[in-house]
Structures are given as structure tokens and as C-alpha cells.
Amino acid sequence: MNRKYSLKKNRDFQYIYRRGKARGSKSMLLLFIAQRTGPVAVGFCVSKKIGNSVVRNRVKRRMKEAFRPEIEKLRPGNRMVFIARPPLAEAEFEQIRKTMQYLLKKSGMYREEGV
């Protein structure tokens, strides 16, 4: 995933945590703020409740890779944070991808001609 789409600052994450809307599934939570200007910005969060550092980093890499093809389908200006829940550590990549697509669709992030 390209760095220009990444949330980098702690204050950006905190703003979305405080003011964002939430959509969730059993294995993942999506917090988002739907804006209409600027590029898409996304962050990924994996709690220390999920395995050791190797497992957490693997989950983050899989989440980023599952999100990468969806970037072009999203409306501009959306800011979002994906938060992994413990079942995501055992999930297959295809399940992570489908869960992410479901949450993005449920939150109305896709462009009209998207998914």
C-alpha cells in the first residue's frame, strides 16, 4: 500500500476514534469519517491482545494487502481506521478481504460505480 494513503499522526487516529462512526464484524472494526475533499487516508490497528509481535505484524500486513486493491474504488476524502479483533489472527486472507469489503460497503465508502 502506498504511503500517501496512510494515517501517520497519533492525533489523526485519536480524531477518528473520538468523532468517527463505527461499523463492525466479528473479526474487524471500521471507524471512519466521511469527508469529500482530499485523498483517502487509512490506518490499521492491532491490539496487544492479539498474539505476539510476529502475529500482530502478520495481521497488519494482511490487512494492508487486502485493502490495497480497494483504494481506487473508494470516494475521495474518506478517513478510516481498521481495528483487528482476536478472531482475525486465525482468519485466511480471503476472509480478511471479504470482511473488509463488507465493512466498506456497509459504511458507504465505495463510489457509485464501485463494488
N, C-alpha and C. Protein backbone atom coordinates (compact mmCIF):
# COMPACT_ATOMS: atom_id res chain seq x y z
N MET A 1 0.84 -1.18 0.00
CA MET A 1 0.00 0.00 0.00
C MET A 1 0.88 1.24 0.00
N ASN A 2 0.54 2.21 -0.79
CA ASN A 2 1.30 3.44 -0.93
C ASN A 2 1.23 4.27 0.36
N ARG A 3 2.34 4.86 0.76
CA ARG A 3 2.40 5.63 2.00
C ARG A 3 1.51 6.87 1.98
N LYS A 4 1.21 7.39 0.78
CA LYS A 4 0.40 8.61 0.73
C LYS A 4 -1.02 8.36 1.23
N TYR A 5 -1.43 7.10 1.31
CA TYR A 5 -2.76 6.77 1.81
C TYR A 5 -2.77 6.46 3.31
N SER A 6 -1.63 6.51 3.97
CA SER A 6 -1.53 6.10 5.37
C SER A 6 -1.78 7.25 6.33
N LEU A 7 -2.51 6.94 7.40
CA LEU A 7 -2.60 7.87 8.52
C LEU A 7 -1.30 7.74 9.28
N LYS A 8 -0.68 8.85 9.63
CA LYS A 8 0.64 8.78 10.25
C LYS A 8 0.66 9.33 11.68
N LYS A 9 -0.11 10.34 11.95
CA LYS A 9 -0.03 11.03 13.23
C LYS A 9 -0.99 10.43 14.26
N ASN A 10 -0.55 10.38 15.50
CA ASN A 10 -1.40 9.90 16.58
C ASN A 10 -2.66 10.74 16.68
N ARG A 11 -2.54 12.05 16.46
CA ARG A 11 -3.73 12.91 16.58
C ARG A 11 -4.76 12.59 15.51
N ASP A 12 -4.33 12.11 14.33
CA ASP A 12 -5.28 11.70 13.30
C ASP A 12 -6.06 10.46 13.74
N PHE A 13 -5.35 9.50 14.33
CA PHE A 13 -6.03 8.31 14.86
C PHE A 13 -7.00 8.71 15.97
N GLN A 14 -6.55 9.55 16.89
CA GLN A 14 -7.40 9.95 18.01
C GLN A 14 -8.64 10.69 17.54
N TYR A 15 -8.51 11.53 16.52
CA TYR A 15 -9.66 12.27 15.99
C TYR A 15 -10.71 11.29 15.45
N ILE A 16 -10.25 10.27 14.73
CA ILE A 16 -11.19 9.28 14.18
C ILE A 16 -11.79 8.44 15.30
N TYR A 17 -11.00 8.08 16.32
CA TYR A 17 -11.54 7.33 17.45
C TYR A 17 -12.65 8.11 18.15
N ARG A 18 -12.44 9.41 18.33
CA ARG A 18 -13.42 10.23 19.07
C ARG A 18 -14.64 10.61 18.25
N ARG A 19 -14.43 10.97 17.00
CA ARG A 19 -15.53 11.54 16.20
C ARG A 19 -16.06 10.63 15.11
N GLY A 20 -15.39 9.53 14.86
CA GLY A 20 -15.79 8.68 13.74
C GLY A 20 -16.99 7.80 14.04
N LYS A 21 -17.60 7.33 12.97
CA LYS A 21 -18.69 6.36 13.06
C LYS A 21 -18.08 4.97 12.99
N ALA A 22 -18.78 3.99 13.53
CA ALA A 22 -18.24 2.63 13.59
C ALA A 22 -19.13 1.64 12.86
N ARG A 23 -18.50 0.69 12.20
CA ARG A 23 -19.16 -0.46 11.60
C ARG A 23 -18.29 -1.65 11.97
N GLY A 24 -18.91 -2.74 12.36
CA GLY A 24 -18.11 -3.84 12.82
C GLY A 24 -18.58 -5.20 12.35
N SER A 25 -17.69 -6.14 12.49
CA SER A 25 -17.99 -7.55 12.25
C SER A 25 -17.35 -8.31 13.41
N LYS A 26 -17.44 -9.62 13.34
CA LYS A 26 -16.88 -10.45 14.41
C LYS A 26 -15.36 -10.31 14.51
N SER A 27 -14.71 -10.07 13.38
CA SER A 27 -13.24 -10.09 13.38
C SER A 27 -12.58 -8.74 13.13
N MET A 28 -13.37 -7.70 12.79
CA MET A 28 -12.77 -6.41 12.45
C MET A 28 -13.75 -5.28 12.73
N LEU A 29 -13.20 -4.13 13.09
CA LEU A 29 -13.99 -2.93 13.32
C LEU A 29 -13.47 -1.84 12.40
N LEU A 30 -14.39 -1.08 11.80
CA LEU A 30 -14.02 0.04 10.94
C LEU A 30 -14.55 1.32 11.56
N LEU A 31 -13.65 2.24 11.87
CA LEU A 31 -14.03 3.58 12.32
C LEU A 31 -13.73 4.51 11.16
N PHE A 32 -14.67 5.42 10.85
CA PHE A 32 -14.47 6.26 9.67
C PHE A 32 -15.11 7.63 9.84
N ILE A 33 -14.57 8.57 9.09
CA ILE A 33 -15.14 9.90 8.94
C ILE A 33 -15.24 10.13 7.44
N ALA A 34 -16.46 10.35 6.98
CA ALA A 34 -16.70 10.54 5.55
C ALA A 34 -16.58 12.01 5.20
N GLN A 35 -15.47 12.39 4.61
CA GLN A 35 -15.26 13.74 4.12
C GLN A 35 -15.27 13.67 2.61
N ARG A 36 -15.36 14.79 1.95
CA ARG A 36 -15.43 14.77 0.49
C ARG A 36 -14.25 15.46 -0.18
N THR A 37 -13.26 15.86 0.59
CA THR A 37 -12.09 16.51 -0.01
C THR A 37 -10.82 15.80 0.46
N GLY A 38 -9.81 15.87 -0.36
CA GLY A 38 -8.52 15.29 -0.01
C GLY A 38 -8.45 13.82 -0.38
N PRO A 39 -7.28 13.23 -0.20
CA PRO A 39 -7.10 11.82 -0.55
C PRO A 39 -7.68 10.89 0.53
N VAL A 40 -7.86 9.65 0.16
CA VAL A 40 -8.26 8.63 1.13
C VAL A 40 -7.11 8.43 2.10
N ALA A 41 -7.42 8.31 3.39
CA ALA A 41 -6.39 8.05 4.40
C ALA A 41 -6.85 6.89 5.27
N VAL A 42 -5.95 5.95 5.51
CA VAL A 42 -6.33 4.76 6.26
C VAL A 42 -5.23 4.40 7.25
N GLY A 43 -5.65 3.86 8.39
CA GLY A 43 -4.73 3.36 9.40
C GLY A 43 -5.16 1.97 9.83
N PHE A 44 -4.22 1.20 10.33
CA PHE A 44 -4.51 -0.16 10.77
C PHE A 44 -4.03 -0.32 12.20
N CYS A 45 -4.85 -0.93 13.03
CA CYS A 45 -4.53 -1.07 14.45
C CYS A 45 -4.74 -2.52 14.86
N VAL A 46 -3.74 -3.09 15.53
CA VAL A 46 -3.84 -4.44 16.04
C VAL A 46 -3.43 -4.40 17.51
N SER A 47 -4.35 -4.76 18.38
CA SER A 47 -4.13 -4.69 19.82
C SER A 47 -3.13 -5.74 20.29
N LYS A 48 -2.52 -5.50 21.43
CA LYS A 48 -1.62 -6.48 22.02
C LYS A 48 -2.36 -7.69 22.56
N LYS A 49 -3.68 -7.64 22.54
CA LYS A 49 -4.49 -8.81 22.92
C LYS A 49 -4.38 -9.90 21.86
N ILE A 50 -3.89 -9.53 20.69
CA ILE A 50 -3.78 -10.48 19.58
C ILE A 50 -2.34 -10.97 19.48
N GLY A 51 -2.09 -12.16 19.98
CA GLY A 51 -0.81 -12.83 19.82
C GLY A 51 0.43 -12.04 20.22
N ASN A 52 1.57 -12.50 19.71
CA ASN A 52 2.82 -11.79 19.94
C ASN A 52 3.09 -10.85 18.77
N SER A 53 4.24 -10.22 18.76
CA SER A 53 4.52 -9.21 17.73
C SER A 53 4.53 -9.80 16.32
N VAL A 54 4.98 -11.04 16.19
CA VAL A 54 5.01 -11.68 14.88
C VAL A 54 3.59 -11.82 14.33
N VAL A 55 2.68 -12.27 15.17
CA VAL A 55 1.28 -12.44 14.75
C VAL A 55 0.64 -11.09 14.44
N ARG A 56 0.88 -10.10 15.30
CA ARG A 56 0.30 -8.76 15.08
C ARG A 56 0.79 -8.16 13.77
N ASN A 57 2.08 -8.28 13.48
CA ASN A 57 2.61 -7.74 12.24
C ASN A 57 2.07 -8.48 11.02
N ARG A 58 1.90 -9.80 11.13
CA ARG A 58 1.32 -10.56 10.03
C ARG A 58 -0.12 -10.11 9.77
N VAL A 59 -0.89 -9.89 10.83
CA VAL A 59 -2.27 -9.42 10.67
C VAL A 59 -2.28 -8.06 9.99
N LYS A 60 -1.39 -7.16 10.42
CA LYS A 60 -1.33 -5.82 9.79
C LYS A 60 -0.96 -5.91 8.31
N ARG A 61 0.01 -6.75 7.98
CA ARG A 61 0.41 -6.90 6.57
C ARG A 61 -0.74 -7.44 5.73
N ARG A 62 -1.46 -8.41 6.27
CA ARG A 62 -2.60 -8.97 5.54
C ARG A 62 -3.71 -7.94 5.36
N MET A 63 -3.96 -7.15 6.40
CA MET A 63 -4.99 -6.12 6.30
C MET A 63 -4.61 -5.09 5.23
N LYS A 64 -3.35 -4.67 5.23
CA LYS A 64 -2.89 -3.69 4.24
C LYS A 64 -3.01 -4.24 2.83
N GLU A 65 -2.63 -5.50 2.65
CA GLU A 65 -2.70 -6.10 1.32
C GLU A 65 -4.15 -6.30 0.88
N ALA A 66 -5.04 -6.62 1.80
CA ALA A 66 -6.45 -6.76 1.45
C ALA A 66 -7.07 -5.42 1.07
N PHE A 67 -6.56 -4.34 1.67
CA PHE A 67 -7.10 -3.01 1.40
C PHE A 67 -6.57 -2.42 0.10
N ARG A 68 -5.37 -2.79 -0.29
CA ARG A 68 -4.69 -2.16 -1.44
C ARG A 68 -5.54 -2.11 -2.71
N PRO A 69 -6.18 -3.20 -3.15
CA PRO A 69 -6.97 -3.09 -4.39
C PRO A 69 -8.26 -2.28 -4.24
N GLU A 70 -8.67 -2.02 -3.01
CA GLU A 70 -9.93 -1.30 -2.78
C GLU A 70 -9.74 0.22 -2.84
N ILE A 71 -8.52 0.71 -2.76
CA ILE A 71 -8.27 2.15 -2.68
C ILE A 71 -8.90 2.91 -3.84
N GLU A 72 -8.71 2.41 -5.04
CA GLU A 72 -9.21 3.13 -6.22
C GLU A 72 -10.73 3.13 -6.31
N LYS A 73 -11.39 2.24 -5.59
CA LYS A 73 -12.85 2.14 -5.64
C LYS A 73 -13.54 3.06 -4.64
N LEU A 74 -12.75 3.70 -3.76
CA LEU A 74 -13.33 4.49 -2.68
C LEU A 74 -13.53 5.95 -3.07
N ARG A 75 -14.50 6.56 -2.43
CA ARG A 75 -14.72 8.00 -2.62
C ARG A 75 -13.54 8.76 -2.04
N PRO A 76 -13.17 9.88 -2.64
CA PRO A 76 -12.05 10.66 -2.11
C PRO A 76 -12.41 11.31 -0.78
N GLY A 77 -11.39 11.51 0.05
CA GLY A 77 -11.56 12.26 1.28
C GLY A 77 -11.92 11.44 2.50
N ASN A 78 -12.25 10.17 2.33
CA ASN A 78 -12.61 9.35 3.48
C ASN A 78 -11.39 9.05 4.33
N ARG A 79 -11.58 9.12 5.64
CA ARG A 79 -10.52 8.78 6.59
C ARG A 79 -11.03 7.63 7.43
N MET A 80 -10.20 6.60 7.59
CA MET A 80 -10.69 5.41 8.29
C MET A 80 -9.57 4.69 9.02
N VAL A 81 -9.98 3.93 10.05
CA VAL A 81 -9.07 3.09 10.81
C VAL A 81 -9.71 1.71 10.91
N PHE A 82 -8.96 0.69 10.52
CA PHE A 82 -9.40 -0.69 10.69
C PHE A 82 -8.77 -1.22 11.96
N ILE A 83 -9.58 -1.78 12.84
CA ILE A 83 -9.10 -2.34 14.10
C ILE A 83 -9.35 -3.84 14.08
N ALA A 84 -8.28 -4.62 14.25
CA ALA A 84 -8.39 -6.07 14.24
C ALA A 84 -8.91 -6.57 15.58
N ARG A 85 -9.78 -7.55 15.53
CA ARG A 85 -10.25 -8.24 16.72
C ARG A 85 -9.59 -9.62 16.76
N PRO A 86 -9.54 -10.28 17.92
CA PRO A 86 -8.81 -11.54 18.04
C PRO A 86 -9.09 -12.62 16.99
N PRO A 87 -10.34 -12.83 16.52
CA PRO A 87 -10.53 -13.88 15.51
C PRO A 87 -9.78 -13.64 14.20
N LEU A 88 -9.35 -12.41 13.95
CA LEU A 88 -8.65 -12.10 12.70
C LEU A 88 -7.28 -12.78 12.63
N ALA A 89 -6.71 -13.11 13.77
CA ALA A 89 -5.39 -13.75 13.79
C ALA A 89 -5.41 -15.12 13.11
N GLU A 90 -6.54 -15.83 13.19
CA GLU A 90 -6.64 -17.15 12.58
C GLU A 90 -7.32 -17.13 11.22
N ALA A 91 -7.77 -15.97 10.77
CA ALA A 91 -8.53 -15.88 9.52
C ALA A 91 -7.62 -16.05 8.30
N GLU A 92 -8.17 -16.65 7.27
CA GLU A 92 -7.47 -16.76 5.99
C GLU A 92 -7.50 -15.39 5.30
N PHE A 93 -6.59 -15.19 4.36
CA PHE A 93 -6.51 -13.90 3.67
C PHE A 93 -7.82 -13.56 2.96
N GLU A 94 -8.42 -14.55 2.31
CA GLU A 94 -9.67 -14.31 1.56
C GLU A 94 -10.78 -13.85 2.50
N GLN A 95 -10.82 -14.40 3.71
CA GLN A 95 -11.82 -13.97 4.68
C GLN A 95 -11.57 -12.53 5.13
N ILE A 96 -10.32 -12.15 5.30
CA ILE A 96 -9.98 -10.77 5.67
C ILE A 96 -10.43 -9.83 4.56
N ARG A 97 -10.16 -10.19 3.32
CA ARG A 97 -10.55 -9.37 2.17
C ARG A 97 -12.06 -9.19 2.10
N LYS A 98 -12.80 -10.28 2.27
CA LYS A 98 -14.27 -10.21 2.20
C LYS A 98 -14.84 -9.40 3.35
N THR A 99 -14.28 -9.55 4.54
CA THR A 99 -14.74 -8.78 5.69
C THR A 99 -14.50 -7.29 5.46
N MET A 100 -13.34 -6.95 4.93
CA MET A 100 -13.02 -5.56 4.66
C MET A 100 -13.96 -4.97 3.61
N GLN A 101 -14.23 -5.71 2.55
CA GLN A 101 -15.17 -5.25 1.53
C GLN A 101 -16.56 -5.05 2.11
N TYR A 102 -16.99 -5.98 2.96
CA TYR A 102 -18.30 -5.88 3.59
C TYR A 102 -18.41 -4.61 4.43
N LEU A 103 -17.38 -4.33 5.24
CA LEU A 103 -17.40 -3.14 6.09
C LEU A 103 -17.37 -1.85 5.27
N LEU A 104 -16.58 -1.83 4.22
CA LEU A 104 -16.52 -0.64 3.36
C LEU A 104 -17.86 -0.40 2.67
N LYS A 105 -18.49 -1.47 2.22
CA LYS A 105 -19.79 -1.34 1.56
C LYS A 105 -20.86 -0.90 2.57
N LYS A 106 -20.83 -1.49 3.75
CA LYS A 106 -21.80 -1.18 4.80
C LYS A 106 -21.70 0.28 5.24
N SER A 107 -20.51 0.84 5.18
CA SER A 107 -20.30 2.22 5.61
C SER A 107 -20.48 3.23 4.48
N GLY A 108 -20.72 2.77 3.25
CA GLY A 108 -20.96 3.67 2.13
C GLY A 108 -19.72 4.35 1.60
N MET A 109 -18.58 3.70 1.71
CA MET A 109 -17.32 4.30 1.28
C MET A 109 -17.06 4.17 -0.22
N TYR A 110 -17.70 3.21 -0.87
CA TYR A 110 -17.44 2.99 -2.29
C TYR A 110 -18.07 4.07 -3.14
N ARG A 111 -17.41 4.34 -4.27
CA ARG A 111 -18.01 5.20 -5.29
C ARG A 111 -19.22 4.47 -5.85
N GLU A 112 -20.08 5.20 -6.54
CA GLU A 112 -21.30 4.60 -7.09
C GLU A 112 -20.98 3.47 -8.08
N GLU A 113 -19.94 3.65 -8.90
CA GLU A 113 -19.61 2.63 -9.88
C GLU A 113 -18.71 1.55 -9.30
N GLY A 114 -18.40 1.63 -7.99
CA GLY A 114 -17.55 0.65 -7.33
C GLY A 114 -18.24 -0.69 -7.19
N VAL A 115 -17.91 -1.40 -6.14
CA VAL A 115 -18.42 -2.76 -5.89
C VAL A 115 -19.86 -2.84 -5.95
